[in-house]
Amino acid sequence: MQLTTKDQKELREFLLDMIPRFRAGLRKGINGAAAGNLFGLLWVTNRPLAKKVENWRGLSSAARDLHFVIEVSKNGGSVGAVVSEYIDLPQPGLKGC
């Protein structure tokens, strides 16, 4: 996936706007917003950019490249273990923040 500088700026602005609104909080010790939920919001609000990142995994990868924090959590379910990724705001003082 190749994002232009404009795409990266749009994605960064989107994440900075959406993460505080939809973050999981300290539930189960997880910070950030679920990558799948954020991808769904991106699909609704900016479909061309969503098509470039392709799915929630691509969104997580792009967010990591933009210095956002990615947290992984294993959740148990009736079918088995599910791995979820949460995207959180960049930490102050890190490169790119």
PDB file of N, CA and C in Angstrom:
ATOM      1  N   MET A   1       0.840  -1.170   0.000  1.00  0.00           N
ATOM      2  CA  MET A   1       0.000   0.000   0.000  1.00  0.00           C
ATOM      3  C   MET A   1       0.888   1.237   0.000  1.00  0.00           C
ATOM      4  N   GLN A   2       0.650   2.112  -0.939  1.00  0.00           N
ATOM      5  CA  GLN A   2       1.400   3.360  -1.030  1.00  0.00           C
ATOM      6  C   GLN A   2       0.437   4.516  -0.811  1.00  0.00           C
ATOM      7  N   LEU A   3       0.672   5.256   0.264  1.00  0.00           N
ATOM      8  CA  LEU A   3      -0.144   6.433   0.527  1.00  0.00           C
ATOM      9  C   LEU A   3       0.673   7.673   0.194  1.00  0.00           C
ATOM     10  N   THR A   4       0.032   8.596  -0.510  1.00  0.00           N
ATOM     11  CA  THR A   4       0.697   9.859  -0.812  1.00  0.00           C
ATOM     12  C   THR A   4       0.782  10.695   0.457  1.00  0.00           C
ATOM     13  N   THR A   5       1.539  11.769   0.395  1.00  0.00           N
ATOM     14  CA  THR A   5       1.638  12.677   1.537  1.00  0.00           C
ATOM     15  C   THR A   5       0.257  13.222   1.892  1.00  0.00           C
ATOM     16  N   LYS A   6      -0.544  13.522   0.873  1.00  0.00           N
ATOM     17  CA  LYS A   6      -1.912  14.012   1.096  1.00  0.00           C
ATOM     18  C   LYS A   6      -2.756  12.940   1.788  1.00  0.00           C
ATOM     19  N   ASP A   7      -2.644  11.696   1.336  1.00  0.00           N
ATOM     20  CA  ASP A   7      -3.374  10.591   1.960  1.00  0.00           C
ATOM     21  C   ASP A   7      -2.971  10.433   3.421  1.00  0.00           C
ATOM     22  N   GLN A   8      -1.673  10.507   3.687  1.00  0.00           N
ATOM     23  CA  GLN A   8      -1.188  10.366   5.060  1.00  0.00           C
ATOM     24  C   GLN A   8      -1.735  11.477   5.939  1.00  0.00           C
ATOM     25  N   LYS A   9      -1.769  12.695   5.409  1.00  0.00           N
ATOM     26  CA  LYS A   9      -2.307  13.830   6.175  1.00  0.00           C
ATOM     27  C   LYS A   9      -3.791  13.622   6.466  1.00  0.00           C
ATOM     28  N   GLU A  10      -4.551  13.198   5.456  1.00  0.00           N
ATOM     29  CA  GLU A  10      -5.982  12.947   5.641  1.00  0.00           C
ATOM     30  C   GLU A  10      -6.214  11.845   6.664  1.00  0.00           C
ATOM     31  N   LEU A  11      -5.427  10.783   6.578  1.00  0.00           N
ATOM     32  CA  LEU A  11      -5.582   9.672   7.507  1.00  0.00           C
ATOM     33  C   LEU A  11      -5.236  10.099   8.921  1.00  0.00           C
ATOM     34  N   ARG A  12      -4.161  10.848   9.072  1.00  0.00           N
ATOM     35  CA  ARG A  12      -3.762  11.343  10.393  1.00  0.00           C
ATOM     36  C   ARG A  12      -4.866  12.210  11.006  1.00  0.00           C
ATOM     37  N   GLU A  13      -5.423  13.123  10.213  1.00  0.00           N
ATOM     38  CA  GLU A  13      -6.505  13.985  10.698  1.00  0.00           C
ATOM     39  C   GLU A  13      -7.734  13.156  11.082  1.00  0.00           C
ATOM     40  N   PHE A  14      -8.071  12.173  10.265  1.00  0.00           N
ATOM     41  CA  PHE A  14      -9.194  11.285  10.557  1.00  0.00           C
ATOM     42  C   PHE A  14      -8.985  10.576  11.894  1.00  0.00           C
ATOM     43  N   LEU A  15      -7.805   9.979  12.079  1.00  0.00           N
ATOM     44  CA  LEU A  15      -7.533   9.237  13.307  1.00  0.00           C
ATOM     45  C   LEU A  15      -7.515  10.151  14.530  1.00  0.00           C
ATOM     46  N   LEU A  16      -6.914  11.318  14.402  1.00  0.00           N
ATOM     47  CA  LEU A  16      -6.883  12.260  15.528  1.00  0.00           C
ATOM     48  C   LEU A  16      -8.281  12.717  15.918  1.00  0.00           C
ATOM     49  N   ASP A  17      -9.182  12.767  14.946  1.00  0.00           N
ATOM     50  CA  ASP A  17     -10.565  13.159  15.216  1.00  0.00           C
ATOM     51  C   ASP A  17     -11.388  12.002  15.792  1.00  0.00           C
ATOM     52  N   MET A  18     -11.239  10.813  15.234  1.00  0.00           N
ATOM     53  CA  MET A  18     -12.105   9.691  15.600  1.00  0.00           C
ATOM     54  C   MET A  18     -11.683   8.924  16.858  1.00  0.00           C
ATOM     55  N   ILE A  19     -10.400   8.778  17.088  1.00  0.00           N
ATOM     56  CA  ILE A  19      -9.957   7.966  18.232  1.00  0.00           C
ATOM     57  C   ILE A  19     -10.510   8.473  19.561  1.00  0.00           C
ATOM     58  N   PRO A  20     -10.445   9.784  19.857  1.00  0.00           N
ATOM     59  CA  PRO A  20     -11.004  10.231  21.139  1.00  0.00           C
ATOM     60  C   PRO A  20     -12.511   9.967  21.273  1.00  0.00           C
ATOM     61  N   ARG A  21     -13.213   9.986  20.164  1.00  0.00           N
ATOM     62  CA  ARG A  21     -14.665   9.755  20.200  1.00  0.00           C
ATOM     63  C   ARG A  21     -15.027   8.289  20.442  1.00  0.00           C
ATOM     64  N   PHE A  22     -14.210   7.381  19.937  1.00  0.00           N
ATOM     65  CA  PHE A  22     -14.572   5.963  19.956  1.00  0.00           C
ATOM     66  C   PHE A  22     -13.590   5.086  20.710  1.00  0.00           C
ATOM     67  N   ARG A  23     -12.782   5.666  21.572  1.00  0.00           N
ATOM     68  CA  ARG A  23     -11.780   4.861  22.275  1.00  0.00           C
ATOM     69  C   ARG A  23     -12.453   3.966  23.309  1.00  0.00           C
ATOM     70  N   ALA A  24     -11.853   2.815  23.495  1.00  0.00           N
ATOM     71  CA  ALA A  24     -12.394   1.809  24.413  1.00  0.00           C
ATOM     72  C   ALA A  24     -12.181   2.212  25.862  1.00  0.00           C
ATOM     73  N   GLY A  25     -11.282   3.131  26.119  1.00  0.00           N
ATOM     74  CA  GLY A  25     -10.994   3.530  27.492  1.00  0.00           C
ATOM     75  C   GLY A  25     -10.121   2.497  28.166  1.00  0.00           C
ATOM     76  N   LEU A  26     -10.295   2.348  29.424  1.00  0.00           N
ATOM     77  CA  LEU A  26      -9.464   1.423  30.186  1.00  0.00           C
ATOM     78  C   LEU A  26     -10.134   0.066  30.370  1.00  0.00           C
ATOM     79  N   ARG A  27     -11.134  -0.214  29.576  1.00  0.00           N
ATOM     80  CA  ARG A  27     -11.797  -1.504  29.652  1.00  0.00           C
ATOM     81  C   ARG A  27     -10.787  -2.604  29.360  1.00  0.00           C
ATOM     82  N   LYS A  28     -10.650  -3.496  30.289  1.00  0.00           N
ATOM     83  CA  LYS A  28      -9.717  -4.617  30.149  1.00  0.00           C
ATOM     84  C   LYS A  28      -8.291  -4.145  29.888  1.00  0.00           C
ATOM     85  N   GLY A  29      -7.969  -2.934  30.337  1.00  0.00           N
ATOM     86  CA  GLY A  29      -6.614  -2.443  30.176  1.00  0.00           C
ATOM     87  C   GLY A  29      -6.246  -2.064  28.757  1.00  0.00           C
ATOM     88  N   ILE A  30      -7.220  -1.826  27.914  1.00  0.00           N
ATOM     89  CA  ILE A  30      -6.966  -1.500  26.508  1.00  0.00           C
ATOM     90  C   ILE A  30      -7.247  -0.022  26.276  1.00  0.00           C
ATOM     91  N   ASN A  31      -6.355   0.629  25.595  1.00  0.00           N
ATOM     92  CA  ASN A  31      -6.560   2.023  25.203  1.00  0.00           C
ATOM     93  C   ASN A  31      -6.726   2.073  23.692  1.00  0.00           C
ATOM     94  N   GLY A  32      -7.424   3.076  23.232  1.00  0.00           N
ATOM     95  CA  GLY A  32      -7.571   3.274  21.801  1.00  0.00           C
ATOM     96  C   GLY A  32      -8.930   2.833  21.287  1.00  0.00           C
ATOM     97  N   ALA A  33      -9.099   2.945  19.993  1.00  0.00           N
ATOM     98  CA  ALA A  33     -10.335   2.563  19.316  1.00  0.00           C
ATOM     99  C   ALA A  33     -10.062   1.335  18.450  1.00  0.00           C
ATOM    100  N   ALA A  34     -11.042   0.475  18.347  1.00  0.00           N
ATOM    101  CA  ALA A  34     -10.893  -0.762  17.576  1.00  0.00           C
ATOM    102  C   ALA A  34     -10.629  -0.436  16.104  1.00  0.00           C
ATOM    103  N   ALA A  35      -9.602  -1.073  15.553  1.00  0.00           N
ATOM    104  CA  ALA A  35      -9.210  -0.822  14.168  1.00  0.00           C
ATOM    105  C   ALA A  35     -10.359  -1.130  13.195  1.00  0.00           C
ATOM    106  N   GLY A  36     -11.107  -2.185  13.447  1.00  0.00           N
ATOM    107  CA  GLY A  36     -12.224  -2.536  12.571  1.00  0.00           C
ATOM    108  C   GLY A  36     -13.314  -1.475  12.573  1.00  0.00           C
ATOM    109  N   ASN A  37     -13.607  -0.930  13.748  1.00  0.00           N
ATOM    110  CA  ASN A  37     -14.603   0.135  13.836  1.00  0.00           C
ATOM    111  C   ASN A  37     -14.123   1.390  13.115  1.00  0.00           C
ATOM    112  N   LEU A  38     -12.849   1.724  13.316  1.00  0.00           N
ATOM    113  CA  LEU A  38     -12.302   2.901  12.638  1.00  0.00           C
ATOM    114  C   LEU A  38     -12.315   2.720  11.125  1.00  0.00           C
ATOM    115  N   PHE A  39     -12.018   1.500  10.659  1.00  0.00           N
ATOM    116  CA  PHE A  39     -12.051   1.266   9.214  1.00  0.00           C
ATOM    117  C   PHE A  39     -13.474   1.444   8.680  1.00  0.00           C
ATOM    118  N   GLY A  40     -14.465   0.966   9.413  1.00  0.00           N
ATOM    119  CA  GLY A  40     -15.857   1.153   8.999  1.00  0.00           C
ATOM    120  C   GLY A  40     -16.234   2.621   8.901  1.00  0.00           C
ATOM    121  N   LEU A  41     -15.774   3.420   9.849  1.00  0.00           N
ATOM    122  CA  LEU A  41     -16.025   4.863   9.806  1.00  0.00           C
ATOM    123  C   LEU A  41     -15.299   5.514   8.632  1.00  0.00           C
ATOM    124  N   LEU A  42     -14.072   5.062   8.372  1.00  0.00           N
ATOM    125  CA  LEU A  42     -13.318   5.587   7.238  1.00  0.00           C
ATOM    126  C   LEU A  42     -14.024   5.244   5.936  1.00  0.00           C
ATOM    127  N   TRP A  43     -14.570   4.033   5.850  1.00  0.00           N
ATOM    128  CA  TRP A  43     -15.285   3.591   4.641  1.00  0.00           C
ATOM    129  C   TRP A  43     -16.485   4.498   4.368  1.00  0.00           C
ATOM    130  N   VAL A  44     -17.157   4.932   5.426  1.00  0.00           N
ATOM    131  CA  VAL A  44     -18.335   5.791   5.277  1.00  0.00           C
ATOM    132  C   VAL A  44     -17.938   7.234   4.968  1.00  0.00           C
ATOM    133  N   THR A  45     -16.866   7.720   5.606  1.00  0.00           N
ATOM    134  CA  THR A  45     -16.523   9.134   5.492  1.00  0.00           C
ATOM    135  C   THR A  45     -15.549   9.458   4.366  1.00  0.00           C
ATOM    136  N   ASN A  46     -14.712   8.500   3.972  1.00  0.00           N
ATOM    137  CA  ASN A  46     -13.703   8.759   2.929  1.00  0.00           C
ATOM    138  C   ASN A  46     -13.390   7.444   2.203  1.00  0.00           C
ATOM    139  N   ARG A  47     -14.324   7.032   1.381  1.00  0.00           N
ATOM    140  CA  ARG A  47     -14.194   5.742   0.703  1.00  0.00           C
ATOM    141  C   ARG A  47     -12.937   5.621  -0.162  1.00  0.00           C
ATOM    142  N   PRO A  48     -12.527   6.651  -0.911  1.00  0.00           N
ATOM    143  CA  PRO A  48     -11.298   6.506  -1.703  1.00  0.00           C
ATOM    144  C   PRO A  48     -10.076   6.176  -0.830  1.00  0.00           C
ATOM    145  N   LEU A  49      -9.962   6.823   0.327  1.00  0.00           N
ATOM    146  CA  LEU A  49      -8.851   6.533   1.221  1.00  0.00           C
ATOM    147  C   LEU A  49      -8.997   5.138   1.830  1.00  0.00           C
ATOM    148  N   ALA A  50     -10.215   4.751   2.177  1.00  0.00           N
ATOM    149  CA  ALA A  50     -10.457   3.411   2.721  1.00  0.00           C
ATOM    150  C   ALA A  50     -10.064   2.336   1.708  1.00  0.00           C
ATOM    151  N   LYS A  51     -10.333   2.574   0.451  1.00  0.00           N
ATOM    152  CA  LYS A  51      -9.956   1.602  -0.580  1.00  0.00           C
ATOM    153  C   LYS A  51      -8.444   1.471  -0.681  1.00  0.00           C
ATOM    154  N   LYS A  52      -7.724   2.564  -0.427  1.00  0.00           N
ATOM    155  CA  LYS A  52      -6.260   2.502  -0.480  1.00  0.00           C
ATOM    156  C   LYS A  52      -5.686   1.695   0.677  1.00  0.00           C
ATOM    157  N   VAL A  53      -6.269   1.821   1.880  1.00  0.00           N
ATOM    158  CA  VAL A  53      -5.742   1.046   3.016  1.00  0.00           C
ATOM    159  C   VAL A  53      -6.304  -0.372   3.029  1.00  0.00           C
ATOM    160  N   GLU A  54      -7.383  -0.617   2.283  1.00  0.00           N
ATOM    161  CA  GLU A  54      -7.974  -1.921   1.981  1.00  0.00           C
ATOM    162  C   GLU A  54      -8.814  -2.543   3.101  1.00  0.00           C
ATOM    163  N   ASN A  55      -8.320  -2.582   4.331  1.00  0.00           N
ATOM    164  CA  ASN A  55      -9.064  -3.227   5.419  1.00  0.00           C
ATOM    165  C   ASN A  55      -8.499  -2.749   6.752  1.00  0.00           C
ATOM    166  N   TRP A  56      -9.000  -3.302   7.855  1.00  0.00           N
ATOM    167  CA  TRP A  56      -8.557  -2.837   9.168  1.00  0.00           C
ATOM    168  C   TRP A  56      -7.090  -3.146   9.416  1.00  0.00           C
ATOM    169  N   ARG A  57      -6.582  -4.199   8.812  1.00  0.00           N
ATOM    170  CA  ARG A  57      -5.155  -4.509   8.969  1.00  0.00           C
ATOM    171  C   ARG A  57      -4.287  -3.459   8.270  1.00  0.00           C
ATOM    172  N   GLY A  58      -4.720  -3.056   7.089  1.00  0.00           N
ATOM    173  CA  GLY A  58      -4.012  -1.996   6.375  1.00  0.00           C
ATOM    174  C   GLY A  58      -4.087  -0.670   7.111  1.00  0.00           C
ATOM    175  N   LEU A  59      -5.242  -0.407   7.734  1.00  0.00           N
ATOM    176  CA  LEU A  59      -5.396   0.802   8.533  1.00  0.00           C
ATOM    177  C   LEU A  59      -4.435   0.781   9.718  1.00  0.00           C
ATOM    178  N   SER A  60      -4.339  -0.356  10.399  1.00  0.00           N
ATOM    179  CA  SER A  60      -3.408  -0.483  11.525  1.00  0.00           C
ATOM    180  C   SER A  60      -1.966  -0.275  11.070  1.00  0.00           C
ATOM    181  N   SER A  61      -1.624  -0.847   9.932  1.00  0.00           N
ATOM    182  CA  SER A  61      -0.268  -0.702   9.402  1.00  0.00           C
ATOM    183  C   SER A  61       0.036   0.756   9.069  1.00  0.00           C
ATOM    184  N   ALA A  62      -0.899   1.422   8.408  1.00  0.00           N
ATOM    185  CA  ALA A  62      -0.707   2.827   8.050  1.00  0.00           C
ATOM    186  C   ALA A  62      -0.631   3.688   9.311  1.00  0.00           C
ATOM    187  N   ALA A  63      -1.469   3.387  10.296  1.00  0.00           N
ATOM    188  CA  ALA A  63      -1.447   4.142  11.554  1.00  0.00           C
ATOM    189  C   ALA A  63      -0.108   3.956  12.269  1.00  0.00           C
ATOM    190  N   ARG A  64       0.405   2.741  12.244  1.00  0.00           N
ATOM    191  CA  ARG A  64       1.723   2.478  12.846  1.00  0.00           C
ATOM    192  C   ARG A  64       2.797   3.311  12.146  1.00  0.00           C
ATOM    193  N   ASP A  65       2.732   3.392  10.821  1.00  0.00           N
ATOM    194  CA  ASP A  65       3.687   4.195  10.060  1.00  0.00           C
ATOM    195  C   ASP A  65       3.583   5.682  10.417  1.00  0.00           C
ATOM    196  N   LEU A  66       2.394   6.116  10.852  1.00  0.00           N
ATOM    197  CA  LEU A  66       2.175   7.507  11.253  1.00  0.00           C
ATOM    198  C   LEU A  66       2.433   7.717  12.747  1.00  0.00           C
ATOM    199  N   HIS A  67       3.008   6.695  13.400  1.00  0.00           N
ATOM    200  CA  HIS A  67       3.425   6.753  14.801  1.00  0.00           C
ATOM    201  C   HIS A  67       2.266   6.703  15.797  1.00  0.00           C
ATOM    202  N   PHE A  68       1.119   6.154  15.371  1.00  0.00           N
ATOM    203  CA  PHE A  68       0.057   5.899  16.326  1.00  0.00           C
ATOM    204  C   PHE A  68       0.394   4.617  17.072  1.00  0.00           C
ATOM    205  N   VAL A  69      -0.129   4.485  18.266  1.00  0.00           N
ATOM    206  CA  VAL A  69       0.129   3.313  19.096  1.00  0.00           C
ATOM    207  C   VAL A  69      -0.854   2.213  18.711  1.00  0.00           C
ATOM    208  N   ILE A  70      -0.351   1.001  18.503  1.00  0.00           N
ATOM    209  CA  ILE A  70      -1.191  -0.149  18.182  1.00  0.00           C
ATOM    210  C   ILE A  70      -1.118  -1.121  19.353  1.00  0.00           C
ATOM    211  N   GLU A  71      -2.276  -1.480  19.892  1.00  0.00           N
ATOM    212  CA  GLU A  71      -2.337  -2.462  20.971  1.00  0.00           C
ATOM    213  C   GLU A  71      -3.099  -3.682  20.471  1.00  0.00           C
ATOM    214  N   VAL A  72      -2.602  -4.832  20.808  1.00  0.00           N
ATOM    215  CA  VAL A  72      -3.234  -6.089  20.404  1.00  0.00           C
ATOM    216  C   VAL A  72      -3.819  -6.741  21.640  1.00  0.00           C
ATOM    217  N   SER A  73      -5.019  -7.277  21.493  1.00  0.00           N
ATOM    218  CA  SER A  73      -5.691  -7.928  22.614  1.00  0.00           C
ATOM    219  C   SER A  73      -6.302  -9.235  22.143  1.00  0.00           C
ATOM    220  N   LYS A  74      -6.155 -10.267  22.961  1.00  0.00           N
ATOM    221  CA  LYS A  74      -6.833 -11.538  22.677  1.00  0.00           C
ATOM    222  C   LYS A  74      -8.106 -11.571  23.501  1.00  0.00           C
ATOM    223  N   ASN A  75      -9.215 -11.775  22.821  1.00  0.00           N
ATOM    224  CA  ASN A  75     -10.504 -11.860  23.484  1.00  0.00           C
ATOM    225  C   ASN A  75     -11.054 -13.264  23.294  1.00  0.00           C
ATOM    226  N   GLY A  76     -11.596 -13.805  24.337  1.00  0.00           N
ATOM    227  CA  GLY A  76     -12.231 -15.116  24.218  1.00  0.00           C
ATOM    228  C   GLY A  76     -13.658 -14.955  23.744  1.00  0.00           C
ATOM    229  N   GLY A  77     -14.105 -15.861  22.962  1.00  0.00           N
ATOM    230  CA  GLY A  77     -15.477 -15.839  22.478  1.00  0.00           C
ATOM    231  C   GLY A  77     -16.033 -17.246  22.468  1.00  0.00           C
ATOM    232  N   SER A  78     -17.294 -17.374  22.096  1.00  0.00           N
ATOM    233  CA  SER A  78     -17.923 -18.695  22.084  1.00  0.00           C
ATOM    234  C   SER A  78     -17.314 -19.588  20.999  1.00  0.00           C
ATOM    235  N   VAL A  79     -16.733 -18.984  19.963  1.00  0.00           N
ATOM    236  CA  VAL A  79     -16.156 -19.747  18.874  1.00  0.00           C
ATOM    237  C   VAL A  79     -14.667 -19.999  19.105  1.00  0.00           C
ATOM    238  N   GLY A  80     -14.043 -19.175  19.916  1.00  0.00           N
ATOM    239  CA  GLY A  80     -12.605 -19.302  20.171  1.00  0.00           C
ATOM    240  C   GLY A  80     -11.990 -17.945  20.399  1.00  0.00           C
ATOM    241  N   ALA A  81     -10.689 -17.922  20.415  1.00  0.00           N
ATOM    242  CA  ALA A  81      -9.987 -16.673  20.657  1.00  0.00           C
ATOM    243  C   ALA A  81     -10.038 -15.769  19.428  1.00  0.00           C
ATOM    244  N   VAL A  82     -10.197 -14.492  19.681  1.00  0.00           N
ATOM    245  CA  VAL A  82     -10.227 -13.490  18.627  1.00  0.00           C
ATOM    246  C   VAL A  82      -9.156 -12.464  18.944  1.00  0.00           C
ATOM    247  N   VAL A  83      -8.369 -12.096  17.959  1.00  0.00           N
ATOM    248  CA  VAL A  83      -7.352 -11.074  18.153  1.00  0.00           C
ATOM    249  C   VAL A  83      -7.908  -9.756  17.631  1.00  0.00           C
ATOM    250  N   SER A  84      -7.863  -8.735  18.480  1.00  0.00           N
ATOM    251  CA  SER A  84      -8.335  -7.406  18.104  1.00  0.00           C
ATOM    252  C   SER A  84      -7.174  -6.430  18.171  1.00  0.00           C
ATOM    253  N   GLU A  85      -7.168  -5.467  17.282  1.00  0.00           N
ATOM    254  CA  GLU A  85      -6.163  -4.409  17.324  1.00  0.00           C
ATOM    255  C   GLU A  85      -6.859  -3.098  17.626  1.00  0.00           C
ATOM    256  N   TYR A  86      -6.228  -2.328  18.489  1.00  0.00           N
ATOM    257  CA  TYR A  86      -6.733  -1.024  18.887  1.00  0.00           C
ATOM    258  C   TYR A  86      -5.700   0.022  18.506  1.00  0.00           C
ATOM    259  N   ILE A  87      -6.175   1.136  17.957  1.00  0.00           N
ATOM    260  CA  ILE A  87      -5.297   2.228  17.557  1.00  0.00           C
ATOM    261  C   ILE A  87      -5.489   3.354  18.556  1.00  0.00           C
ATOM    262  N   ASP A  88      -4.369   3.830  19.115  1.00  0.00           N
ATOM    263  CA  ASP A  88      -4.439   4.919  20.073  1.00  0.00           C
ATOM    264  C   ASP A  88      -3.604   6.091  19.582  1.00  0.00           C
ATOM    265  N   LEU A  89      -3.816   7.223  20.207  1.00  0.00           N
ATOM    266  CA  LEU A  89      -3.118   8.447  19.827  1.00  0.00           C
ATOM    267  C   LEU A  89      -1.611   8.292  20.010  1.00  0.00           C
ATOM    268  N   PRO A  90      -0.843   9.000  19.195  1.00  0.00           N
ATOM    269  CA  PRO A  90       0.618   8.949  19.347  1.00  0.00           C
ATOM    270  C   PRO A  90       1.023   9.480  20.719  1.00  0.00           C
ATOM    271  N   GLN A  91       2.114   8.972  21.235  1.00  0.00           N
ATOM    272  CA  GLN A  91       2.640   9.442  22.511  1.00  0.00           C
ATOM    273  C   GLN A  91       3.417  10.743  22.292  1.00  0.00           C
ATOM    274  N   PRO A  92       3.214  11.741  23.151  1.00  0.00           N
ATOM    275  CA  PRO A  92       3.953  12.993  23.002  1.00  0.00           C
ATOM    276  C   PRO A  92       5.456  12.765  23.030  1.00  0.00           C
ATOM    277  N   GLY A  93       6.160  13.489  22.222  1.00  0.00           N
ATOM    278  CA  GLY A  93       7.618  13.379  22.206  1.00  0.00           C
ATOM    279  C   GLY A  93       8.170  12.378  21.216  1.00  0.00           C
ATOM    280  N   LEU A  94       7.289  11.542  20.631  1.00  0.00           N
ATOM    281  CA  LEU A  94       7.771  10.585  19.633  1.00  0.00           C
ATOM    282  C   LEU A  94       7.894  11.272  18.282  1.00  0.00           C
ATOM    283  N   LYS A  95       8.774  10.765  17.457  1.00  0.00           N
ATOM    284  CA  LYS A  95       8.977  11.299  16.117  1.00  0.00           C
ATOM    285  C   LYS A  95       7.646  11.280  15.357  1.00  0.00           C
ATOM    286  N   GLY A  96       7.336  12.372  14.707  1.00  0.00           N
ATOM    287  CA  GLY A  96       6.129  12.436  13.902  1.00  0.00           C
ATOM    288  C   GLY A  96       4.905  12.926  14.638  1.00  0.00           C
ATOM    289  N   CYS A  97       5.038  13.194  15.947  1.00  0.00           N
ATOM    290  CA  CYS A  97       3.878  13.638  16.737  1.00  0.00           C
ATOM    291  C   CYS A  97       3.746  15.138  16.704  1.00  0.00           C
TER     292      CYS A  97
END
